[in-house]
Amino acid sequence: MMKTKDHLQKGRTRTRSDCCGKIKIAVHFILDLSSRSRMLGARRALSNSLLVNMLRIAEFPTVALFRRDHQQALYMMRFSNSTYTDLDRIIMRDAHLPPGFTVMPTTTMRPMTTTTPPIVDCQRFPERCREMFYVSETDMLKAMRMALYDEVIRTPGYIQNENLTGLTDFVTLLSNHFPVLSFSNDIRRTKRTTSTILKNSERARLVFIHMREFLESRKARNAVPVEEYRRQFENVERVYAHPFPVNASWQHCKGTTPTFRGYTCGLWTTFHALTVHTYIDTIKDSNVNALKPLKSIQGWVRGFFGCQHCKNHFMNMTTNILPMTERRVRHPQDMMTYLWRAHNIVNNRLHGDPSEDPQFTKVQFPPPFLCPTCHSGGQFSRRQRYEKGENHEQLLSGTAESLAAFVEAYNI
């Protein structure tokens, strides 16, 4: 019987062919499974490993589910669109199995599901594509719960030194500027007329505030036991009625198939929203430190982002390729445009990569269907944007107003 998270373990296999694509699928899959970390441990196995040979796996990628210390698989199938649902169903069923109940071993493998939503041609149907680009409260809350809980509690032993500072700074940024209101009019503070309260986000911000106070109270020690952090987060989360939708599906960040987008999309969405809302919240503050929110994001990535090669690329980009310095980030709006440029560097690197979603290709933001006036002669033109005086205003309205539209459409 499964009684603790240690009783189940999942094995994932891959071939050497199409190596990069398989590795990235595995990384995304394991990151997505972190929301189930209390029930499920995730591991990746090489195609020539003893486990793969023992299970006689010939098709890749394949997912196998075991009770800890058991050799018989509860589940073994090709990875497909239904894998997440299958795992959840098996875990919940196994939690209620009577003593002595035996699950029959799987002898055949179901073929991978190939049905995917039709790809919309954004050049031909810009309005249809525009509808798919919005900011989802659910995506941001889901990503932040994974970032502050699942990622952090994987730290061995203690959160300390630079990691403790980075976590405290990031939680402080969330407690001050995580969006809790969505405005349906002009994004400029003096012209806002109607707003929608994001109730889950409002409660989540109370969690962030409480966790900031907890971390600051431990600052003198310069170390916080991970187990103490975990208990504190769970207690505070319970006090504020579990505002994070851990079991909800990704919304804007839902990929064409489960291998695409998800958690990393949720992170980028939240990072952009934080810079936008920091700008909005401090628009009348002439002494605002525009570099601070970016450094807070960088500090969390450095200390806790579980995708190692993603982390390495991000740190290289923000220290070498596009250094995160006062020379580049002088004015309040620069915090938004810096992250915009950084994200475009990432998109340029990953364009054509096996991890690229065919519907949400890694194009330079904003694409023509989102901002026709940003382009000249078929190419993005920063000068065109500045001449029209729309650069950061478009970025602001694209974040704030689309969040309002989403809230209205889904009655959050």
Protein backbone atom coordinates (compact mmCIF):
# COMPACT_ATOMS: atom_id res chain seq x y z
CA MET A 1 0.00 0.00 0.00
CA MET A 2 1.17 3.53 -0.74
CA LYS A 3 1.40 5.58 2.46
CA THR A 4 4.05 8.22 1.73
CA LYS A 5 5.58 9.92 -1.26
CA ASP A 6 8.49 7.47 -1.07
CA HIS A 7 6.34 4.53 -2.00
CA LEU A 8 6.02 5.43 -5.66
CA GLN A 9 8.73 6.06 -8.18
CA LYS A 10 8.54 6.68 -11.89
CA GLY A 11 11.16 5.71 -14.47
CA ARG A 12 11.52 7.42 -17.84
CA THR A 13 13.56 6.09 -20.74
CA ARG A 14 15.00 7.60 -23.89
CA THR A 15 17.02 6.61 -26.92
CA ARG A 16 20.25 8.23 -28.09
CA SER A 17 18.68 9.24 -31.41
CA ASP A 18 17.10 12.67 -31.35
CA CYS A 19 18.97 13.07 -28.06
CA CYS A 20 18.38 16.77 -27.48
CA GLY A 21 14.66 16.51 -28.12
CA LYS A 22 14.23 13.52 -25.80
CA ILE A 23 16.26 15.17 -23.03
CA LYS A 24 14.16 18.33 -23.20
CA ILE A 25 10.91 16.35 -23.23
CA ALA A 26 12.16 14.54 -20.12
CA VAL A 27 13.11 17.81 -18.43
CA HIS A 28 9.70 19.37 -19.08
CA PHE A 29 7.93 16.20 -17.97
CA ILE A 30 9.90 15.95 -14.72
CA LEU A 31 9.37 19.66 -13.99
CA ASP A 32 5.63 19.28 -14.54
CA LEU A 33 5.56 16.27 -12.20
CA SER A 34 7.06 18.36 -9.41
CA SER A 35 3.51 19.47 -8.55
CA ARG A 36 2.90 15.84 -7.53
CA SER A 37 6.15 15.56 -5.56
CA ARG A 38 4.45 14.49 -2.34
CA MET A 39 3.11 11.37 -4.08
CA LEU A 40 5.57 10.73 -6.88
CA GLY A 41 9.32 10.69 -7.36
CA ALA A 42 10.58 11.24 -10.93
CA ARG A 43 13.73 9.76 -12.45
CA ARG A 44 15.07 9.44 -16.00
CA ALA A 45 16.71 6.22 -17.23
CA LEU A 46 19.03 5.78 -20.23
CA SER A 47 18.02 3.48 -23.05
CA ASN A 48 20.92 1.11 -22.27
CA SER A 49 20.23 0.95 -18.54
CA LEU A 50 19.52 -2.24 -16.59
CA LEU A 51 15.98 -1.06 -15.84
CA VAL A 52 15.13 -0.57 -19.51
CA ASN A 53 16.53 -3.99 -20.41
CA MET A 54 14.68 -5.64 -17.53
CA LEU A 55 11.37 -4.10 -18.61
CA ARG A 56 12.08 -4.94 -22.28
CA ILE A 57 11.21 -1.44 -23.39
CA ALA A 58 11.72 -0.99 -27.12
CA GLU A 59 9.78 2.21 -27.82
CA PHE A 60 10.73 5.65 -26.58
CA PRO A 61 9.84 7.77 -24.73
CA THR A 62 8.12 5.41 -22.29
CA VAL A 63 6.83 6.07 -18.78
CA ALA A 64 6.82 3.37 -16.09
CA LEU A 65 5.31 3.68 -12.61
CA PHE A 66 6.44 1.62 -9.61
CA ARG A 67 5.84 1.38 -5.92
CA ARG A 68 9.13 2.09 -4.19
CA ASP A 69 11.19 -1.08 -3.68
CA HIS A 70 8.95 -3.07 -6.05
CA GLN A 71 10.11 -4.45 -9.39
CA GLN A 72 6.70 -4.91 -10.99
CA ALA A 73 5.40 -1.87 -12.86
CA LEU A 74 1.97 -0.54 -11.96
CA TYR A 75 1.88 1.23 -15.32
CA MET A 76 4.04 1.20 -18.46
CA MET A 77 3.05 3.06 -21.61
CA ARG A 78 4.45 5.20 -24.39
CA PHE A 79 4.39 8.85 -23.37
CA SER A 80 1.23 10.46 -24.77
CA ASN A 81 -1.31 13.20 -24.20
CA SER A 82 -3.04 11.04 -21.60
CA THR A 83 0.05 10.20 -19.51
CA TYR A 84 -0.58 12.80 -16.80
CA THR A 85 -4.20 11.71 -16.38
CA ASP A 86 -3.18 8.04 -16.37
CA LEU A 87 -0.59 8.61 -13.63
CA ASP A 88 -3.02 10.55 -11.46
CA ARG A 89 -5.65 7.84 -11.82
CA ILE A 90 -3.21 5.03 -10.98
CA ILE A 91 -1.83 6.90 -7.95
CA MET A 92 -5.29 7.60 -6.54
CA ARG A 93 -6.42 4.03 -7.18
CA ASP A 94 -3.29 2.57 -5.62
CA ALA A 95 -3.78 4.67 -2.51
CA HIS A 96 -7.00 2.76 -1.83
CA LEU A 97 -6.04 -0.78 -2.86
CA PRO A 98 -6.93 -3.49 -0.32
CA PRO A 99 -4.01 -5.40 1.28
CA GLY A 100 -2.65 -8.14 -0.95
CA PHE A 101 -4.19 -6.73 -4.12
CA THR A 102 -1.94 -7.36 -7.13
CA VAL A 103 -1.87 -5.24 -10.26
CA MET A 104 -1.48 -7.35 -13.38
CA PRO A 105 1.72 -6.53 -15.30
CA THR A 106 1.43 -4.67 -18.57
CA THR A 107 2.31 -6.85 -21.55
CA THR A 108 1.62 -4.49 -24.45
CA MET A 109 2.21 -0.82 -25.05
CA ARG A 110 -0.47 1.52 -26.24
CA PRO A 111 0.61 3.58 -29.26
CA MET A 112 1.29 7.23 -28.62
CA THR A 113 -1.72 9.46 -29.18
CA THR A 114 -1.16 11.54 -32.30
CA THR A 115 -4.31 13.67 -32.33
CA THR A 116 -3.41 17.30 -31.64
CA PRO A 117 -5.36 20.54 -32.05
CA PRO A 118 -5.13 22.02 -35.54
CA ILE A 119 -2.35 24.58 -35.94
CA VAL A 120 -3.67 28.06 -36.67
CA ASP A 121 -1.78 30.03 -39.33
CA CYS A 122 -1.18 33.33 -37.54
CA GLN A 123 -0.34 35.21 -40.72
CA ARG A 124 -3.65 34.26 -42.33
CA PHE A 125 -5.78 34.40 -39.18
CA PRO A 126 -4.22 37.00 -36.86
CA GLU A 127 -7.43 37.51 -34.86
CA ARG A 128 -7.64 33.82 -34.00
CA CYS A 129 -4.01 33.79 -32.89
CA ARG A 130 -4.43 36.95 -30.85
CA GLU A 131 -7.12 35.20 -28.80
CA MET A 132 -4.60 32.53 -27.74
CA PHE A 133 -2.22 35.05 -26.18
CA TYR A 134 -3.41 36.20 -22.78
CA VAL A 135 -2.11 36.29 -19.22
CA SER A 136 -3.62 33.59 -17.03
CA GLU A 137 -3.94 34.02 -13.27
CA THR A 138 -4.05 30.23 -12.95
CA ASP A 139 -0.79 29.81 -14.88
CA MET A 140 1.02 32.34 -12.72
CA LEU A 141 -0.23 30.90 -9.43
CA LYS A 142 0.53 27.36 -10.52
CA ALA A 143 4.05 28.32 -11.61
CA MET A 144 4.78 30.27 -8.41
CA ARG A 145 3.67 27.41 -6.19
CA MET A 146 6.07 25.12 -8.03
CA ALA A 147 8.82 27.76 -7.86
CA LEU A 148 8.49 28.46 -4.12
CA TYR A 149 7.56 25.00 -2.90
CA ASP A 150 8.53 22.16 -5.24
CA GLU A 151 11.79 23.73 -6.40
CA VAL A 152 12.89 25.05 -3.00
CA ILE A 153 12.25 21.91 -0.94
CA ARG A 154 14.56 19.95 -3.26
CA THR A 155 17.45 21.92 -1.74
CA PRO A 156 19.54 19.52 0.38
CA GLY A 157 19.53 20.34 4.08
CA TYR A 158 19.53 24.13 4.42
CA ILE A 159 18.59 27.24 2.47
CA GLN A 160 21.54 29.46 3.22
CA ASN A 161 23.93 32.23 2.19
CA GLU A 162 23.37 33.49 -1.37
CA ASN A 163 20.40 31.16 -1.89
CA LEU A 164 18.64 32.48 1.21
CA THR A 165 19.17 36.06 0.06
CA GLY A 166 17.94 35.23 -3.44
CA LEU A 167 14.82 33.48 -2.15
CA THR A 168 14.02 36.31 0.28
CA ASP A 169 14.40 38.93 -2.45
CA PHE A 170 12.18 36.98 -4.88
CA VAL A 171 9.46 36.39 -2.26
CA THR A 172 9.65 40.10 -1.39
CA LEU A 173 9.11 40.99 -5.06
CA LEU A 174 6.07 38.70 -5.15
CA SER A 175 4.66 40.09 -1.90
CA ASN A 176 4.94 43.65 -3.21
CA HIS A 177 4.05 43.36 -6.88
CA PHE A 178 2.30 40.08 -7.73
CA PRO A 179 -0.85 41.27 -9.56
CA VAL A 180 -4.04 41.07 -7.50
CA LEU A 181 -6.15 43.50 -9.52
CA SER A 182 -6.93 43.46 -13.21
CA PHE A 183 -7.95 46.70 -14.90
CA SER A 184 -10.21 46.76 -17.94
CA ASN A 185 -9.39 50.31 -19.02
CA ASP A 186 -6.21 52.26 -19.79
CA ILE A 187 -3.24 50.88 -17.84
CA ARG A 188 -2.12 54.31 -16.68
CA ARG A 189 -3.00 54.76 -13.04
CA THR A 190 -4.82 58.08 -13.48
CA LYS A 191 -7.23 56.71 -16.09
CA ARG A 192 -8.26 53.40 -14.55
CA THR A 193 -12.01 53.20 -13.96
CA THR A 194 -13.00 49.59 -13.36
CA SER A 195 -11.09 46.71 -11.86
CA THR A 196 -11.52 43.06 -11.04
CA ILE A 197 -10.14 41.58 -7.84
CA LEU A 198 -8.21 38.38 -8.45
CA LYS A 199 -9.31 36.58 -5.30
CA ASN A 200 -6.88 33.66 -5.49
CA SER A 201 -4.02 36.03 -6.23
CA GLU A 202 -5.04 38.24 -3.33
CA ARG A 203 -4.79 35.26 -0.96
CA ALA A 204 -1.57 34.12 -2.61
CA ARG A 205 -0.02 37.51 -1.95
CA LEU A 206 -0.84 37.05 1.75
CA VAL A 207 1.11 33.77 1.56
CA PHE A 208 4.02 35.64 -0.05
CA ILE A 209 3.91 38.33 2.65
CA HIS A 210 3.89 35.75 5.43
CA MET A 211 6.78 33.80 3.85
CA ARG A 212 8.76 37.03 3.42
CA GLU A 213 8.35 37.78 7.12
CA PHE A 214 9.34 34.21 7.98
CA LEU A 215 12.52 34.37 5.87
CA GLU A 216 13.46 37.81 7.17
CA SER A 217 13.07 36.59 10.76
CA ARG A 218 15.64 33.88 10.02
CA LYS A 219 18.09 36.20 8.25
CA ALA A 220 20.33 36.57 11.31
CA ARG A 221 20.95 32.81 11.29
CA ASN A 222 21.90 32.95 7.59
CA ALA A 223 20.36 29.49 7.21
CA VAL A 224 16.87 27.97 7.23
CA PRO A 225 16.34 24.19 7.45
CA VAL A 226 14.48 23.06 4.33
CA GLU A 227 12.11 20.99 6.45
CA GLU A 228 11.21 24.06 8.53
CA TYR A 229 10.58 26.05 5.34
CA ARG A 230 8.37 23.26 3.96
CA ARG A 231 6.25 23.07 7.11
CA GLN A 232 5.90 26.85 7.23
CA PHE A 233 4.80 27.08 3.60
CA GLU A 234 2.24 24.29 4.01
CA ASN A 235 0.84 25.84 7.19
CA VAL A 236 0.50 29.30 5.66
CA GLU A 237 -0.98 27.86 2.49
CA ARG A 238 -3.60 26.09 4.60
CA VAL A 239 -4.38 29.25 6.63
CA TYR A 240 -5.16 31.13 3.41
CA ALA A 241 -7.34 28.34 1.97
CA HIS A 242 -4.88 26.93 -0.59
CA PRO A 243 -4.88 29.73 -3.19
CA PHE A 244 -2.57 27.86 -5.60
CA PRO A 245 -4.42 25.68 -8.19
CA VAL A 246 -1.93 22.79 -8.09
CA ASN A 247 -4.29 20.35 -9.82
CA ALA A 248 -5.59 22.76 -12.46
CA SER A 249 -4.57 22.42 -16.09
CA TRP A 250 -2.33 25.00 -17.70
CA GLN A 251 -4.43 27.57 -19.57
CA HIS A 252 -2.53 30.00 -21.81
CA CYS A 253 0.57 27.89 -21.08
CA LYS A 254 -1.08 24.66 -22.18
CA GLY A 255 0.98 23.24 -25.02
CA THR A 256 -0.22 21.58 -28.20
CA THR A 257 0.79 18.35 -26.43
CA PRO A 258 1.86 17.83 -22.78
CA THR A 259 5.54 17.91 -23.77
CA PHE A 260 5.35 21.61 -24.66
CA ARG A 261 5.20 24.83 -22.59
CA GLY A 262 3.70 24.35 -19.10
CA TYR A 263 5.91 25.33 -16.17
CA THR A 264 8.59 27.29 -18.04
CA CYS A 265 5.88 29.27 -19.85
CA GLY A 266 4.28 30.00 -16.47
CA LEU A 267 7.61 31.25 -15.13
CA TRP A 268 8.21 33.63 -18.04
CA THR A 269 4.62 34.89 -17.85
CA THR A 270 5.02 35.67 -14.15
CA PHE A 271 8.44 37.28 -14.61
CA HIS A 272 7.01 39.62 -17.26
CA ALA A 273 3.93 40.38 -15.15
CA LEU A 274 6.14 41.23 -12.17
CA THR A 275 8.18 43.77 -14.13
CA VAL A 276 5.03 45.31 -15.60
CA HIS A 277 3.27 45.58 -12.25
CA THR A 278 6.39 46.87 -10.51
CA TYR A 279 6.44 49.65 -13.11
CA ILE A 280 2.72 50.35 -12.62
CA ASP A 281 2.94 50.28 -8.82
CA THR A 282 5.94 52.62 -8.69
CA ILE A 283 5.06 54.91 -11.58
CA LYS A 284 5.04 57.98 -9.29
CA ASP A 285 8.21 56.98 -7.42
CA SER A 286 11.18 58.89 -8.81
CA ASN A 287 13.62 56.87 -6.69
CA VAL A 288 12.60 53.39 -7.81
CA ASN A 289 15.47 50.94 -8.37
CA ALA A 290 14.64 49.52 -11.80
CA LEU A 291 17.33 46.85 -11.56
CA LYS A 292 16.10 45.34 -8.28
CA PRO A 293 13.15 43.25 -9.60
CA LEU A 294 15.34 41.80 -12.35
CA LYS A 295 18.07 40.91 -9.85
CA SER A 296 15.44 39.25 -7.64
CA ILE A 297 14.31 37.07 -10.55
CA GLN A 298 17.92 36.25 -11.41
CA GLY A 299 18.62 35.30 -7.78
CA TRP A 300 15.78 32.77 -7.70
CA VAL A 301 16.86 31.24 -11.03
CA ARG A 302 20.47 30.95 -9.82
CA GLY A 303 19.55 29.22 -6.60
CA PHE A 304 16.49 27.11 -7.31
CA PHE A 305 15.52 26.56 -10.96
CA GLY A 306 15.59 22.79 -11.38
CA CYS A 307 16.31 22.73 -15.13
CA GLN A 308 20.11 22.93 -15.01
CA HIS A 309 20.78 23.66 -18.68
CA CYS A 310 17.97 26.27 -18.68
CA LYS A 311 19.56 27.88 -15.62
CA ASN A 312 23.01 27.86 -17.22
CA HIS A 313 21.72 29.56 -20.37
CA PHE A 314 19.78 32.16 -18.35
CA MET A 315 22.76 33.02 -16.16
CA ASN A 316 25.09 33.24 -19.17
CA MET A 317 22.62 35.49 -20.95
CA THR A 318 22.09 37.85 -17.99
CA THR A 319 25.80 38.09 -17.13
CA ASN A 320 27.58 37.86 -20.50
CA ILE A 321 25.32 38.16 -23.55
CA LEU A 322 22.96 40.82 -22.18
CA PRO A 323 24.49 41.85 -18.84
CA MET A 324 21.95 42.86 -16.21
CA THR A 325 23.63 46.15 -15.31
CA GLU A 326 22.68 49.74 -14.47
CA ARG A 327 23.94 50.80 -17.90
CA ARG A 328 21.17 48.75 -19.54
CA VAL A 329 18.50 49.29 -16.89
CA ARG A 330 18.51 53.01 -16.08
CA HIS A 331 14.85 54.00 -16.20
CA PRO A 332 11.72 52.37 -14.75
CA GLN A 333 10.46 51.14 -18.12
CA ASP A 334 13.84 49.49 -18.76
CA MET A 335 12.97 46.66 -16.37
CA MET A 336 10.23 45.60 -18.79
CA THR A 337 12.15 46.09 -22.01
CA TYR A 338 15.25 44.33 -20.63
CA LEU A 339 13.25 41.18 -19.87
CA TRP A 340 11.54 41.50 -23.24
CA ARG A 341 14.93 41.57 -25.01
CA ALA A 342 16.25 38.72 -22.86
CA HIS A 343 13.24 36.56 -23.69
CA ASN A 344 13.75 37.25 -27.39
CA ILE A 345 17.35 36.06 -27.09
CA VAL A 346 16.04 32.82 -25.59
CA ASN A 347 13.42 32.51 -28.34
CA ASN A 348 16.06 33.03 -31.01
CA ARG A 349 18.25 30.30 -29.48
CA LEU A 350 15.37 27.81 -29.21
CA HIS A 351 13.70 28.52 -32.57
CA GLY A 352 13.61 25.24 -34.49
CA ASP A 353 14.51 23.24 -31.37
CA PRO A 354 12.59 19.95 -30.77
CA SER A 355 11.10 21.55 -27.64
CA GLU A 356 9.38 24.26 -29.72
CA ASP A 357 5.58 24.08 -29.74
CA PRO A 358 4.37 24.21 -33.39
CA GLN A 359 1.49 26.53 -32.42
CA PHE A 360 3.57 28.82 -30.20
CA THR A 361 6.78 29.07 -32.19
CA LYS A 362 9.78 30.89 -30.74
CA VAL A 363 9.35 34.11 -32.70
CA GLN A 364 10.53 37.56 -31.71
CA PHE A 365 8.06 39.31 -29.45
CA PRO A 366 5.78 40.97 -30.28
CA PRO A 367 4.80 39.10 -33.46
CA PRO A 368 2.94 41.06 -36.17
CA PHE A 369 -0.47 39.66 -35.24
CA LEU A 370 -0.10 41.10 -31.71
CA CYS A 371 1.44 44.43 -32.69
CA PRO A 372 1.25 45.37 -36.40
CA THR A 373 2.74 48.84 -35.73
CA CYS A 374 5.88 47.27 -34.24
CA HIS A 375 7.05 46.08 -37.65
CA SER A 376 8.39 47.71 -40.77
CA GLY A 377 9.07 45.87 -44.02
CA GLY A 378 8.17 42.55 -42.43
CA GLN A 379 10.74 42.94 -39.64
CA PHE A 380 10.45 44.06 -36.02
CA SER A 381 11.54 47.69 -35.71
CA ARG A 382 12.38 49.18 -32.33
CA ARG A 383 12.69 52.61 -33.97
CA GLN A 384 9.20 52.22 -35.38
CA ARG A 385 7.91 51.61 -31.86
CA TYR A 386 9.72 54.54 -30.30
CA GLU A 387 8.67 56.89 -33.09
CA LYS A 388 5.05 55.96 -32.46
CA GLY A 389 5.54 56.31 -28.71
CA GLU A 390 4.00 52.90 -28.04
CA ASN A 391 6.87 50.71 -26.82
CA HIS A 392 6.29 50.09 -23.14
CA GLU A 393 2.64 51.22 -23.34
CA GLN A 394 1.86 48.27 -25.64
CA LEU A 395 3.70 45.89 -23.36
CA LEU A 396 1.75 47.21 -20.37
CA SER A 397 -1.64 46.99 -22.04
CA GLY A 398 -0.83 43.56 -23.43
CA THR A 399 -0.27 42.28 -19.92
CA ALA A 400 -2.78 44.20 -17.83
CA GLU A 401 -5.71 44.30 -20.23
CA SER A 402 -5.41 40.70 -21.37
CA LEU A 403 -5.43 39.63 -17.72
CA ALA A 404 -8.68 41.56 -17.29
CA ALA A 405 -10.17 39.94 -20.37
CA PHE A 406 -9.20 36.51 -19.12
CA VAL A 407 -10.74 37.13 -15.71
CA GLU A 408 -13.96 38.33 -17.32
CA ALA A 409 -14.11 35.38 -19.73
CA TYR A 410 -13.48 32.74 -17.09
CA ASN A 411 -15.35 34.45 -14.24
CA ILE A 412 -12.42 34.13 -11.83
